[in-house]
Amino acid sequence: MSYNIVLTTAEDVVSVVDAVVARGSCAQKQYITEFTGIATEDQVDKALQMAIELGFLKYTPVSNCYDVDSFLAVKLVSSATDDQKAVFMRLALEQYEPYKTFKQRYEFTKIIDLACRQTKILHSMSSNERDIKNTLISIATYAKALKSEGANLYSFSEEENTTSFIESALETSSISEATLRAYWGESLYSFVNNVNVFQPLSQAFQKTRSTTIDARSVVVHAANAFESFLNDYANHHSVSLTGKNGIIQKKDALVGTLSKKHRGMIEYVGQVRNAADHGGDADEGGLTWLVMDETAVLFPSIVAILIKGIYDRSFNNDIKV
């Protein structure tokens, strides 16, 4: 297998992975660029390439789309704490052959630049040696696998007992999923698409438990789940959504199947999603909306409640908000 390490940062890699996970499927570069807010197209390209190198993402040339290629990608961006994120990054990194070579060569030579040169030669990479060094250091530091000792000296962290962190991350995920499933009930849980509705909404709930909340990402995950629910709901009622883009247009197409109150609630969900995901607002002089943490924390609950309300009215003749 051929490898090619390009200059990027761990943070940019996580950002593009988060964008693809939020999208759910077939994320194109323009969407990823807009979602992440990474400054240049070149930076996006390099972050995507390293995300593929590490096994988080895959690229399909025919559709020009990026998709998730590992469960680690989902766990990386939905973990509740930085320590949990570090564990999942490290799990991916420890499987990456150039990193394993780099680690072995540095432990032998004790010279970081020489270890990078030897890694390049051993894997027949065309990569710039400095790019190899900076990228591997950034990702390994993020993964808490490497520590700087100063004066261009580094030490690899001893293999820690990562089991507790993994168990904690999986437990948090299980709690979010079990709570949402119990609230919805088995009938609604069976109705929705697990991959496109249930999982991204569960991930949005998990993200609200992070030590540092990425408000925009929470909103996008939850809103994407809701839009996917509208697709399923429309299919059940034989309503075509062809040419209808976004939550608000789909709400308008479903006017004959939705209550007035639920349509008003959907408008709110759509407007918050637009504020989070659509850049400058022409009605506000081109200013960009800031999604407050408080909004992000409440937003997945609003979406979960709204989905249940729409479903119960349609299938159980039970009206509630």
C-alpha atoms as a PDB file:
ATOM      1  CA  MET A   1       0.000   0.000   0.000  1.00  0.00           C
ATOM      2  CA  SER A   2       1.299   3.481  -0.864  1.00  0.00           C
ATOM      3  CA  TYR A   3       1.268   6.337   1.631  1.00  0.00           C
ATOM      4  CA  ASN A   4       1.628  10.089   1.299  1.00  0.00           C
ATOM      5  CA  ILE A   5       1.744  12.329   4.365  1.00  0.00           C
ATOM      6  CA  VAL A   6       0.819  15.953   3.678  1.00  0.00           C
ATOM      7  CA  LEU A   7       1.029  19.016   5.887  1.00  0.00           C
ATOM      8  CA  THR A   8      -2.043  19.399   8.080  1.00  0.00           C
ATOM      9  CA  THR A   9      -3.088  19.537  11.713  1.00  0.00           C
ATOM     10  CA  ALA A  10      -4.957  17.098  13.896  1.00  0.00           C
ATOM     11  CA  GLU A  11      -7.642  19.733  14.448  1.00  0.00           C
ATOM     12  CA  ASP A  12      -8.264  20.091  10.700  1.00  0.00           C
ATOM     13  CA  VAL A  13      -8.447  16.311  10.305  1.00  0.00           C
ATOM     14  CA  VAL A  14     -11.038  16.107  13.086  1.00  0.00           C
ATOM     15  CA  SER A  15     -12.994  18.969  11.510  1.00  0.00           C
ATOM     16  CA  VAL A  16     -13.336  17.315   8.103  1.00  0.00           C
ATOM     17  CA  VAL A  17     -14.229  13.980   9.698  1.00  0.00           C
ATOM     18  CA  ASP A  18     -16.903  15.758  11.719  1.00  0.00           C
ATOM     19  CA  ALA A  19     -18.286  17.337   8.541  1.00  0.00           C
ATOM     20  CA  VAL A  20     -18.596  13.983   6.790  1.00  0.00           C
ATOM     21  CA  VAL A  21     -20.137  12.279   9.832  1.00  0.00           C
ATOM     22  CA  ALA A  22     -22.632  15.133  10.148  1.00  0.00           C
ATOM     23  CA  ARG A  23     -23.581  14.836   6.485  1.00  0.00           C
ATOM     24  CA  GLY A  24     -24.234  11.130   6.853  1.00  0.00           C
ATOM     25  CA  SER A  25     -23.329  10.146   3.308  1.00  0.00           C
ATOM     26  CA  CYS A  26     -21.875  11.554   0.095  1.00  0.00           C
ATOM     27  CA  ALA A  27     -20.237  14.679   1.485  1.00  0.00           C
ATOM     28  CA  GLN A  28     -18.716  16.757  -1.290  1.00  0.00           C
ATOM     29  CA  LYS A  29     -15.745  19.055  -0.809  1.00  0.00           C
ATOM     30  CA  GLN A  30     -17.710  22.283  -1.162  1.00  0.00           C
ATOM     31  CA  TYR A  31     -19.989  21.208   1.683  1.00  0.00           C
ATOM     32  CA  ILE A  32     -17.009  20.153   3.817  1.00  0.00           C
ATOM     33  CA  THR A  33     -15.293  23.484   3.197  1.00  0.00           C
ATOM     34  CA  GLU A  34     -18.391  25.448   4.177  1.00  0.00           C
ATOM     35  CA  PHE A  35     -19.085  23.237   7.194  1.00  0.00           C
ATOM     36  CA  THR A  36     -15.600  23.386   8.660  1.00  0.00           C
ATOM     37  CA  GLY A  37     -14.758  26.998   7.917  1.00  0.00           C
ATOM     38  CA  ILE A  38     -11.173  25.947   7.176  1.00  0.00           C
ATOM     39  CA  ALA A  39      -9.503  28.927   5.542  1.00  0.00           C
ATOM     40  CA  THR A  40      -8.313  27.554   2.198  1.00  0.00           C
ATOM     41  CA  GLU A  41      -9.238  24.802  -0.231  1.00  0.00           C
ATOM     42  CA  ASP A  42      -5.662  23.507  -0.053  1.00  0.00           C
ATOM     43  CA  GLN A  43      -5.974  23.029   3.714  1.00  0.00           C
ATOM     44  CA  VAL A  44      -9.252  21.162   3.249  1.00  0.00           C
ATOM     45  CA  ASP A  45      -7.681  18.902   0.604  1.00  0.00           C
ATOM     46  CA  LYS A  46      -4.767  18.043   2.878  1.00  0.00           C
ATOM     47  CA  ALA A  47      -6.965  17.389   5.906  1.00  0.00           C
ATOM     48  CA  LEU A  48      -9.173  15.112   3.818  1.00  0.00           C
ATOM     49  CA  GLN A  49      -6.140  13.256   2.485  1.00  0.00           C
ATOM     50  CA  MET A  50      -4.828  12.572   5.991  1.00  0.00           C
ATOM     51  CA  ALA A  51      -8.293  11.531   7.161  1.00  0.00           C
ATOM     52  CA  ILE A  52      -8.233   8.950   4.369  1.00  0.00           C
ATOM     53  CA  GLU A  53      -4.655   7.926   5.223  1.00  0.00           C
ATOM     54  CA  LEU A  54      -5.711   7.280   8.818  1.00  0.00           C
ATOM     55  CA  GLY A  55      -8.712   5.228   7.736  1.00  0.00           C
ATOM     56  CA  PHE A  56     -11.427   7.603   8.938  1.00  0.00           C
ATOM     57  CA  LEU A  57     -12.808   8.480   5.494  1.00  0.00           C
ATOM     58  CA  LYS A  58     -12.975   7.114   1.968  1.00  0.00           C
ATOM     59  CA  TYR A  59     -13.334   8.921  -1.339  1.00  0.00           C
ATOM     60  CA  THR A  60     -15.405   7.725  -4.295  1.00  0.00           C
ATOM     61  CA  PRO A  61     -14.294   9.426  -7.530  1.00  0.00           C
ATOM     62  CA  VAL A  62     -17.408   8.431  -9.500  1.00  0.00           C
ATOM     63  CA  SER A  63     -19.719  10.351  -7.155  1.00  0.00           C
ATOM     64  CA  ASN A  64     -17.026  12.807  -6.036  1.00  0.00           C
ATOM     65  CA  CYS A  65     -18.054  12.078  -2.460  1.00  0.00           C
ATOM     66  CA  TYR A  66     -16.413  11.446   0.890  1.00  0.00           C
ATOM     67  CA  ASP A  67     -17.931   8.906   3.265  1.00  0.00           C
ATOM     68  CA  VAL A  68     -17.126   7.464   6.689  1.00  0.00           C
ATOM     69  CA  ASP A  69     -14.835   4.447   6.445  1.00  0.00           C
ATOM     70  CA  SER A  70     -14.563   3.420  10.107  1.00  0.00           C
ATOM     71  CA  PHE A  71     -16.606   3.402  13.293  1.00  0.00           C
ATOM     72  CA  LEU A  72     -13.631   5.223  14.827  1.00  0.00           C
ATOM     73  CA  ALA A  73     -14.595   8.298  12.808  1.00  0.00           C
ATOM     74  CA  VAL A  74     -17.982   8.487  14.493  1.00  0.00           C
ATOM     75  CA  LYS A  75     -16.534   7.856  17.937  1.00  0.00           C
ATOM     76  CA  LEU A  76     -13.785  10.426  17.398  1.00  0.00           C
ATOM     77  CA  VAL A  77     -16.173  13.298  16.737  1.00  0.00           C
ATOM     78  CA  SER A  78     -18.932  12.321  19.171  1.00  0.00           C
ATOM     79  CA  SER A  79     -16.810  11.578  22.243  1.00  0.00           C
ATOM     80  CA  ALA A  80     -17.682  13.637  25.297  1.00  0.00           C
ATOM     81  CA  THR A  81     -14.176  14.526  26.459  1.00  0.00           C
ATOM     82  CA  ASP A  82     -10.800  15.416  24.968  1.00  0.00           C
ATOM     83  CA  ASP A  83      -9.310  12.317  26.592  1.00  0.00           C
ATOM     84  CA  GLN A  84     -11.843  10.120  24.810  1.00  0.00           C
ATOM     85  CA  LYS A  85     -11.167  11.859  21.493  1.00  0.00           C
ATOM     86  CA  ALA A  86      -7.454  11.298  22.037  1.00  0.00           C
ATOM     87  CA  VAL A  87      -8.006   7.585  22.579  1.00  0.00           C
ATOM     88  CA  PHE A  88      -9.883   7.110  19.322  1.00  0.00           C
ATOM     89  CA  MET A  89      -7.334   9.165  17.413  1.00  0.00           C
ATOM     90  CA  ARG A  90      -4.591   7.058  18.949  1.00  0.00           C
ATOM     91  CA  LEU A  91      -6.341   3.822  17.998  1.00  0.00           C
ATOM     92  CA  ALA A  92      -6.341   4.972  14.373  1.00  0.00           C
ATOM     93  CA  LEU A  93      -2.784   6.285  14.562  1.00  0.00           C
ATOM     94  CA  GLU A  94      -1.356   3.078  16.021  1.00  0.00           C
ATOM     95  CA  GLN A  95      -2.738   1.192  12.999  1.00  0.00           C
ATOM     96  CA  TYR A  96      -1.095   3.576  10.522  1.00  0.00           C
ATOM     97  CA  GLU A  97       2.080   1.950   9.194  1.00  0.00           C
ATOM     98  CA  PRO A  98       4.130   5.148   8.615  1.00  0.00           C
ATOM     99  CA  TYR A  99       3.477   6.206  12.213  1.00  0.00           C
ATOM    100  CA  LYS A 100       4.597   2.837  13.522  1.00  0.00           C
ATOM    101  CA  THR A 101       7.766   3.160  11.437  1.00  0.00           C
ATOM    102  CA  PHE A 102       8.320   6.735  12.617  1.00  0.00           C
ATOM    103  CA  LYS A 103       7.920   5.648  16.228  1.00  0.00           C
ATOM    104  CA  GLN A 104      10.397   2.774  15.827  1.00  0.00           C
ATOM    105  CA  ARG A 105      12.982   4.892  14.005  1.00  0.00           C
ATOM    106  CA  TYR A 106      12.829   7.751  16.495  1.00  0.00           C
ATOM    107  CA  GLU A 107      13.161   5.405  19.456  1.00  0.00           C
ATOM    108  CA  PHE A 108      16.280   4.024  17.756  1.00  0.00           C
ATOM    109  CA  THR A 109      17.887   7.210  16.405  1.00  0.00           C
ATOM    110  CA  LYS A 110      16.650   9.769  18.949  1.00  0.00           C
ATOM    111  CA  ILE A 111      16.786  12.310  16.090  1.00  0.00           C
ATOM    112  CA  ILE A 112      13.352  13.430  14.939  1.00  0.00           C
ATOM    113  CA  ASP A 113      14.406  14.679  11.486  1.00  0.00           C
ATOM    114  CA  LEU A 114      16.347  11.507  10.754  1.00  0.00           C
ATOM    115  CA  ALA A 115      13.407   9.369  11.842  1.00  0.00           C
ATOM    116  CA  CYS A 116      11.166  11.272   9.420  1.00  0.00           C
ATOM    117  CA  ARG A 117      13.673  10.884   6.584  1.00  0.00           C
ATOM    118  CA  GLN A 118      13.934   7.152   7.229  1.00  0.00           C
ATOM    119  CA  THR A 119      10.146   6.834   7.400  1.00  0.00           C
ATOM    120  CA  LYS A 120       9.891   8.545   4.030  1.00  0.00           C
ATOM    121  CA  ILE A 121      12.487   6.219   2.479  1.00  0.00           C
ATOM    122  CA  LEU A 122      11.101   3.013   3.984  1.00  0.00           C
ATOM    123  CA  HIS A 123       7.602   3.754   2.672  1.00  0.00           C
ATOM    124  CA  SER A 124       8.761   5.236  -0.665  1.00  0.00           C
ATOM    125  CA  MET A 125       6.838   8.430  -0.027  1.00  0.00           C
ATOM    126  CA  SER A 126       7.139  11.557  -2.130  1.00  0.00           C
ATOM    127  CA  SER A 127       6.194  13.620   0.925  1.00  0.00           C
ATOM    128  CA  ASN A 128       8.299  16.506   2.149  1.00  0.00           C
ATOM    129  CA  GLU A 129      10.266  15.451   5.244  1.00  0.00           C
ATOM    130  CA  ARG A 130       9.257  18.567   7.153  1.00  0.00           C
ATOM    131  CA  ASP A 131       5.592  17.919   6.338  1.00  0.00           C
ATOM    132  CA  ILE A 132       5.939  14.358   7.627  1.00  0.00           C
ATOM    133  CA  LYS A 133       7.448  15.662  10.837  1.00  0.00           C
ATOM    134  CA  ASN A 134       4.927  18.429  11.493  1.00  0.00           C
ATOM    135  CA  THR A 135       1.873  16.362  10.622  1.00  0.00           C
ATOM    136  CA  LEU A 136       2.841  13.293  12.632  1.00  0.00           C
ATOM    137  CA  ILE A 137       3.799  15.436  15.616  1.00  0.00           C
ATOM    138  CA  SER A 138       0.481  17.317  15.458  1.00  0.00           C
ATOM    139  CA  ILE A 139      -1.633  14.166  15.254  1.00  0.00           C
ATOM    140  CA  ALA A 140       0.404  12.200  17.796  1.00  0.00           C
ATOM    141  CA  THR A 141       0.289  15.109  20.243  1.00  0.00           C
ATOM    142  CA  TYR A 142      -3.489  15.387  19.811  1.00  0.00           C
ATOM    143  CA  ALA A 143      -3.689  11.653  20.488  1.00  0.00           C
ATOM    144  CA  LYS A 144      -1.581  12.153  23.618  1.00  0.00           C
ATOM    145  CA  ALA A 145       0.864   9.584  22.250  1.00  0.00           C
ATOM    146  CA  LEU A 146       3.786  12.017  21.977  1.00  0.00           C
ATOM    147  CA  LYS A 147       5.147  14.679  24.310  1.00  0.00           C
ATOM    148  CA  SER A 148       7.596  17.463  23.539  1.00  0.00           C
ATOM    149  CA  GLU A 149      10.586  17.615  25.873  1.00  0.00           C
ATOM    150  CA  GLY A 150      11.936  20.806  24.250  1.00  0.00           C
ATOM    151  CA  ALA A 151      15.038  21.316  22.078  1.00  0.00           C
ATOM    152  CA  ASN A 152      13.505  19.159  19.309  1.00  0.00           C
ATOM    153  CA  LEU A 153      13.340  16.167  21.640  1.00  0.00           C
ATOM    154  CA  TYR A 154      10.232  14.073  22.138  1.00  0.00           C
ATOM    155  CA  SER A 155       9.069  11.120  24.166  1.00  0.00           C
ATOM    156  CA  PHE A 156       6.387   8.612  23.352  1.00  0.00           C
ATOM    157  CA  SER A 157       3.814   8.071  26.045  1.00  0.00           C
ATOM    158  CA  GLU A 158       3.722   4.663  27.592  1.00  0.00           C
ATOM    159  CA  GLU A 159       0.797   2.553  26.518  1.00  0.00           C
ATOM    160  CA  GLU A 160      -1.854   3.546  28.990  1.00  0.00           C
ATOM    161  CA  ASN A 161      -4.859   1.531  30.009  1.00  0.00           C
ATOM    162  CA  THR A 162      -7.165   2.975  27.385  1.00  0.00           C
ATOM    163  CA  THR A 163      -9.889   0.473  28.175  1.00  0.00           C
ATOM    164  CA  SER A 164     -11.504   2.743  30.758  1.00  0.00           C
ATOM    165  CA  PHE A 165     -11.664   5.661  28.313  1.00  0.00           C
ATOM    166  CA  ILE A 166     -13.137   3.484  25.571  1.00  0.00           C
ATOM    167  CA  GLU A 167     -15.657   2.003  27.973  1.00  0.00           C
ATOM    168  CA  SER A 168     -16.600   5.486  29.141  1.00  0.00           C
ATOM    169  CA  ALA A 169     -17.078   6.716  25.554  1.00  0.00           C
ATOM    170  CA  LEU A 170     -19.127   3.676  24.588  1.00  0.00           C
ATOM    171  CA  GLU A 171     -21.156   3.915  27.783  1.00  0.00           C
ATOM    172  CA  THR A 172     -21.963   7.569  27.053  1.00  0.00           C
ATOM    173  CA  SER A 173     -23.004   6.575  23.544  1.00  0.00           C
ATOM    174  CA  SER A 174     -25.149   3.712  24.847  1.00  0.00           C
ATOM    175  CA  ILE A 175     -26.838   5.944  27.406  1.00  0.00           C
ATOM    176  CA  SER A 176     -27.720   8.530  24.751  1.00  0.00           C
ATOM    177  CA  GLU A 177     -29.064   5.893  22.400  1.00  0.00           C
ATOM    178  CA  ALA A 178     -30.996   4.021  25.100  1.00  0.00           C
ATOM    179  CA  THR A 179     -32.537   7.234  26.447  1.00  0.00           C
ATOM    180  CA  LEU A 180     -33.645   8.400  23.001  1.00  0.00           C
ATOM    181  CA  ARG A 181     -34.991   4.971  22.064  1.00  0.00           C
ATOM    182  CA  ALA A 182     -36.955   4.690  25.311  1.00  0.00           C
ATOM    183  CA  TYR A 183     -38.415   8.180  24.860  1.00  0.00           C
ATOM    184  CA  TRP A 184     -39.504   7.532  21.292  1.00  0.00           C
ATOM    185  CA  GLY A 185     -40.838   4.038  21.902  1.00  0.00           C
ATOM    186  CA  GLU A 186     -40.296   1.001  19.720  1.00  0.00           C
ATOM    187  CA  SER A 187     -42.879   1.975  17.099  1.00  0.00           C
ATOM    188  CA  LEU A 188     -41.220   5.308  16.265  1.00  0.00           C
ATOM    189  CA  TYR A 189     -37.722   3.843  16.665  1.00  0.00           C
ATOM    190  CA  SER A 190     -38.588   1.190  14.067  1.00  0.00           C
ATOM    191  CA  PHE A 191     -40.109   3.783  11.737  1.00  0.00           C
ATOM    192  CA  VAL A 192     -37.074   6.051  11.450  1.00  0.00           C
ATOM    193  CA  ASN A 193     -33.938   5.259   9.475  1.00  0.00           C
ATOM    194  CA  ASN A 194     -31.326   4.177  12.012  1.00  0.00           C
ATOM    195  CA  VAL A 195     -28.322   5.442  10.066  1.00  0.00           C
ATOM    196  CA  ASN A 196     -29.732   8.764   8.853  1.00  0.00           C
ATOM    197  CA  VAL A 197     -32.035   9.721  11.735  1.00  0.00           C
ATOM    198  CA  PHE A 198     -31.415   7.862  14.972  1.00  0.00           C
ATOM    199  CA  GLN A 199     -27.619   7.731  14.920  1.00  0.00           C
ATOM    200  CA  PRO A 200     -26.913  11.400  14.039  1.00  0.00           C
ATOM    201  CA  LEU A 201     -29.452  12.584  16.601  1.00  0.00           C
ATOM    202  CA  SER A 202     -27.852  10.341  19.231  1.00  0.00           C
ATOM    203  CA  GLN A 203     -24.480  11.793  18.260  1.00  0.00           C
ATOM    204  CA  ALA A 204     -25.852  15.308  18.669  1.00  0.00           C
ATOM    205  CA  PHE A 205     -26.919  14.428  22.217  1.00  0.00           C
ATOM    206  CA  GLN A 206     -23.445  13.020  22.919  1.00  0.00           C
ATOM    207  CA  LYS A 207     -21.811  16.187  21.615  1.00  0.00           C
ATOM    208  CA  THR A 208     -23.751  18.288  24.119  1.00  0.00           C
ATOM    209  CA  ARG A 209     -21.883  16.432  26.877  1.00  0.00           C
ATOM    210  CA  SER A 210     -18.451  17.443  25.584  1.00  0.00           C
ATOM    211  CA  THR A 211     -16.258  19.532  27.843  1.00  0.00           C
ATOM    212  CA  THR A 212     -16.116  22.095  25.022  1.00  0.00           C
ATOM    213  CA  ILE A 213     -19.318  22.219  23.002  1.00  0.00           C
ATOM    214  CA  ASP A 214     -19.091  22.654  19.243  1.00  0.00           C
ATOM    215  CA  ALA A 215     -22.483  24.341  19.011  1.00  0.00           C
ATOM    216  CA  ARG A 216     -22.568  24.465  15.228  1.00  0.00           C
ATOM    217  CA  SER A 217     -21.787  20.770  14.889  1.00  0.00           C
ATOM    218  CA  VAL A 218     -24.486  19.824  17.404  1.00  0.00           C
ATOM    219  CA  VAL A 219     -27.083  21.789  15.469  1.00  0.00           C
ATOM    220  CA  VAL A 220     -26.037  20.378  12.102  1.00  0.00           C
ATOM    221  CA  HIS A 221     -26.103  16.759  13.322  1.00  0.00           C
ATOM    222  CA  ALA A 222     -29.544  17.164  14.887  1.00  0.00           C
ATOM    223  CA  ALA A 223     -30.956  19.142  11.949  1.00  0.00           C
ATOM    224  CA  ASN A 224     -29.672  16.609   9.421  1.00  0.00           C
ATOM    225  CA  ALA A 225     -31.383  13.886  11.428  1.00  0.00           C
ATOM    226  CA  PHE A 226     -34.615  15.869  11.345  1.00  0.00           C
ATOM    227  CA  GLU A 227     -34.418  16.493   7.602  1.00  0.00           C
ATOM    228  CA  SER A 228     -33.881  12.768   7.050  1.00  0.00           C
ATOM    229  CA  PHE A 229     -36.951  12.086   9.200  1.00  0.00           C
ATOM    230  CA  LEU A 230     -38.973  14.426   6.959  1.00  0.00           C
ATOM    231  CA  ASN A 231     -37.807  12.387   3.959  1.00  0.00           C
ATOM    232  CA  ASP A 232     -39.036   9.162   5.579  1.00  0.00           C
ATOM    233  CA  TYR A 233     -42.268  10.843   6.655  1.00  0.00           C
ATOM    234  CA  ALA A 234     -42.879  12.141   3.132  1.00  0.00           C
ATOM    235  CA  ASN A 235     -42.257   8.695   1.621  1.00  0.00           C
ATOM    236  CA  HIS A 236     -44.815   7.170   3.977  1.00  0.00           C
ATOM    237  CA  HIS A 237     -47.401   9.763   2.944  1.00  0.00           C
ATOM    238  CA  SER A 238     -46.460   9.487  -0.749  1.00  0.00           C
ATOM    239  CA  VAL A 239     -45.435  13.147  -0.928  1.00  0.00           C
ATOM    240  CA  SER A 240     -42.716  13.992  -3.431  1.00  0.00           C
ATOM    241  CA  LEU A 241     -39.873  16.154  -2.141  1.00  0.00           C
ATOM    242  CA  THR A 242     -38.165  16.376  -5.516  1.00  0.00           C
ATOM    243  CA  GLY A 243     -36.535  19.773  -5.874  1.00  0.00           C
ATOM    244  CA  LYS A 244     -37.227  20.638  -2.229  1.00  0.00           C
ATOM    245  CA  ASN A 245     -33.982  21.617  -0.526  1.00  0.00           C
ATOM    246  CA  GLY A 246     -33.679  22.022   3.205  1.00  0.00           C
ATOM    247  CA  ILE A 247     -36.045  21.663   6.115  1.00  0.00           C
ATOM    248  CA  ILE A 248     -38.261  24.672   5.418  1.00  0.00           C
ATOM    249  CA  GLN A 249     -38.962  23.808   1.766  1.00  0.00           C
ATOM    250  CA  LYS A 250     -39.765  20.231   2.751  1.00  0.00           C
ATOM    251  CA  LYS A 251     -42.077  21.497   5.473  1.00  0.00           C
ATOM    252  CA  ASP A 252     -43.958  23.538   2.861  1.00  0.00           C
ATOM    253  CA  ALA A 253     -44.276  20.468   0.615  1.00  0.00           C
ATOM    254  CA  LEU A 254     -45.749  18.500   3.531  1.00  0.00           C
ATOM    255  CA  VAL A 255     -48.278  21.173   4.472  1.00  0.00           C
ATOM    256  CA  GLY A 256     -51.213  18.788   3.895  1.00  0.00           C
ATOM    257  CA  THR A 257     -49.890  16.224   6.372  1.00  0.00           C
ATOM    258  CA  LEU A 258     -48.623  18.453   9.177  1.00  0.00           C
ATOM    259  CA  SER A 259     -50.465  20.453  11.819  1.00  0.00           C
ATOM    260  CA  LYS A 260     -50.118  24.223  11.894  1.00  0.00           C
ATOM    261  CA  LYS A 261     -48.349  24.099  15.259  1.00  0.00           C
ATOM    262  CA  HIS A 262     -45.861  21.477  14.115  1.00  0.00           C
ATOM    263  CA  ARG A 263     -45.160  23.511  10.979  1.00  0.00           C
ATOM    264  CA  GLY A 264     -44.300  26.456  13.215  1.00  0.00           C
ATOM    265  CA  MET A 265     -41.936  24.312  15.261  1.00  0.00           C
ATOM    266  CA  ILE A 266     -40.316  22.993  12.076  1.00  0.00           C
ATOM    267  CA  GLU A 267     -39.761  26.583  10.966  1.00  0.00           C
ATOM    268  CA  TYR A 268     -37.752  27.170  14.145  1.00  0.00           C
ATOM    269  CA  VAL A 269     -35.629  24.047  13.563  1.00  0.00           C
ATOM    270  CA  GLY A 270     -34.988  25.106   9.982  1.00  0.00           C
ATOM    271  CA  GLN A 271     -34.066  28.667  10.921  1.00  0.00           C
ATOM    272  CA  VAL A 272     -31.601  27.531  13.592  1.00  0.00           C
ATOM    273  CA  ARG A 273     -30.061  25.107  11.103  1.00  0.00           C
ATOM    274  CA  ASN A 274     -29.757  27.909   8.532  1.00  0.00           C
ATOM    275  CA  ALA A 275     -28.136  30.174  11.109  1.00  0.00           C
ATOM    276  CA  ALA A 276     -25.592  27.482  11.925  1.00  0.00           C
ATOM    277  CA  ASP A 277     -24.855  26.278   8.434  1.00  0.00           C
ATOM    278  CA  HIS A 278     -25.434  29.028   5.858  1.00  0.00           C
ATOM    279  CA  GLY A 279     -22.733  31.620   6.502  1.00  0.00           C
ATOM    280  CA  GLY A 280     -23.473  35.341   6.214  1.00  0.00           C
ATOM    281  CA  ASP A 281     -27.110  36.463   6.435  1.00  0.00           C
ATOM    282  CA  ALA A 282     -28.111  38.944   3.711  1.00  0.00           C
ATOM    283  CA  ASP A 283     -30.950  40.187   5.949  1.00  0.00           C
ATOM    284  CA  GLU A 284     -28.379  41.077   8.608  1.00  0.00           C
ATOM    285  CA  GLY A 285     -25.921  42.935   6.415  1.00  0.00           C
ATOM    286  CA  GLY A 286     -23.878  39.824   5.711  1.00  0.00           C
ATOM    287  CA  LEU A 287     -23.199  39.107   9.386  1.00  0.00           C
ATOM    288  CA  THR A 288     -22.841  35.492  10.456  1.00  0.00           C
ATOM    289  CA  TRP A 289     -25.038  34.110  13.217  1.00  0.00           C
ATOM    290  CA  LEU A 290     -23.404  32.703  16.350  1.00  0.00           C
ATOM    291  CA  VAL A 291     -25.094  29.627  17.775  1.00  0.00           C
ATOM    292  CA  MET A 292     -25.089  29.898  21.558  1.00  0.00           C
ATOM    293  CA  ASP A 293     -24.097  26.910  23.660  1.00  0.00           C
ATOM    294  CA  GLU A 294     -27.486  27.114  25.349  1.00  0.00           C
ATOM    295  CA  THR A 295     -29.202  26.735  21.981  1.00  0.00           C
ATOM    296  CA  ALA A 296     -27.011  23.767  21.078  1.00  0.00           C
ATOM    297  CA  VAL A 297     -27.689  21.991  24.377  1.00  0.00           C
ATOM    298  CA  LEU A 298     -31.468  22.274  23.943  1.00  0.00           C
ATOM    299  CA  PHE A 299     -31.645  21.755  20.180  1.00  0.00           C
ATOM    300  CA  PRO A 300     -31.384  17.908  20.021  1.00  0.00           C
ATOM    301  CA  SER A 301     -34.158  17.645  22.621  1.00  0.00           C
ATOM    302  CA  ILE A 302     -36.379  19.946  20.576  1.00  0.00           C
ATOM    303  CA  VAL A 303     -35.763  17.822  17.486  1.00  0.00           C
ATOM    304  CA  ALA A 304     -36.459  14.573  19.357  1.00  0.00           C
ATOM    305  CA  ILE A 305     -39.676  15.983  20.823  1.00  0.00           C
ATOM    306  CA  LEU A 306     -40.810  17.358  17.463  1.00  0.00           C
ATOM    307  CA  ILE A 307     -40.195  14.059  15.658  1.00  0.00           C
ATOM    308  CA  LYS A 308     -42.228  12.242  18.309  1.00  0.00           C
ATOM    309  CA  GLY A 309     -45.006  14.832  18.143  1.00  0.00           C
ATOM    310  CA  ILE A 310     -45.303  14.615  14.348  1.00  0.00           C
ATOM    311  CA  TYR A 311     -45.227  10.823  14.419  1.00  0.00           C
ATOM    312  CA  ASP A 312     -47.818  10.477  17.192  1.00  0.00           C
ATOM    313  CA  ARG A 313     -50.221  12.887  15.500  1.00  0.00           C
ATOM    314  CA  SER A 314     -49.936  11.088  12.191  1.00  0.00           C
ATOM    315  CA  PHE A 315     -50.003   7.497  13.388  1.00  0.00           C
ATOM    316  CA  ASN A 316     -51.682   7.569  16.803  1.00  0.00           C
ATOM    317  CA  ASN A 317     -54.084  10.524  16.428  1.00  0.00           C
ATOM    318  CA  ASP A 318     -52.389  11.987  19.492  1.00  0.00           C
ATOM    319  CA  ILE A 319     -51.817  15.740  19.294  1.00  0.00           C
ATOM    320  CA  LYS A 320     -49.229  17.266  21.580  1.00  0.00           C
ATOM    321  CA  VAL A 321     -46.318  19.699  21.568  1.00  0.00           C
END
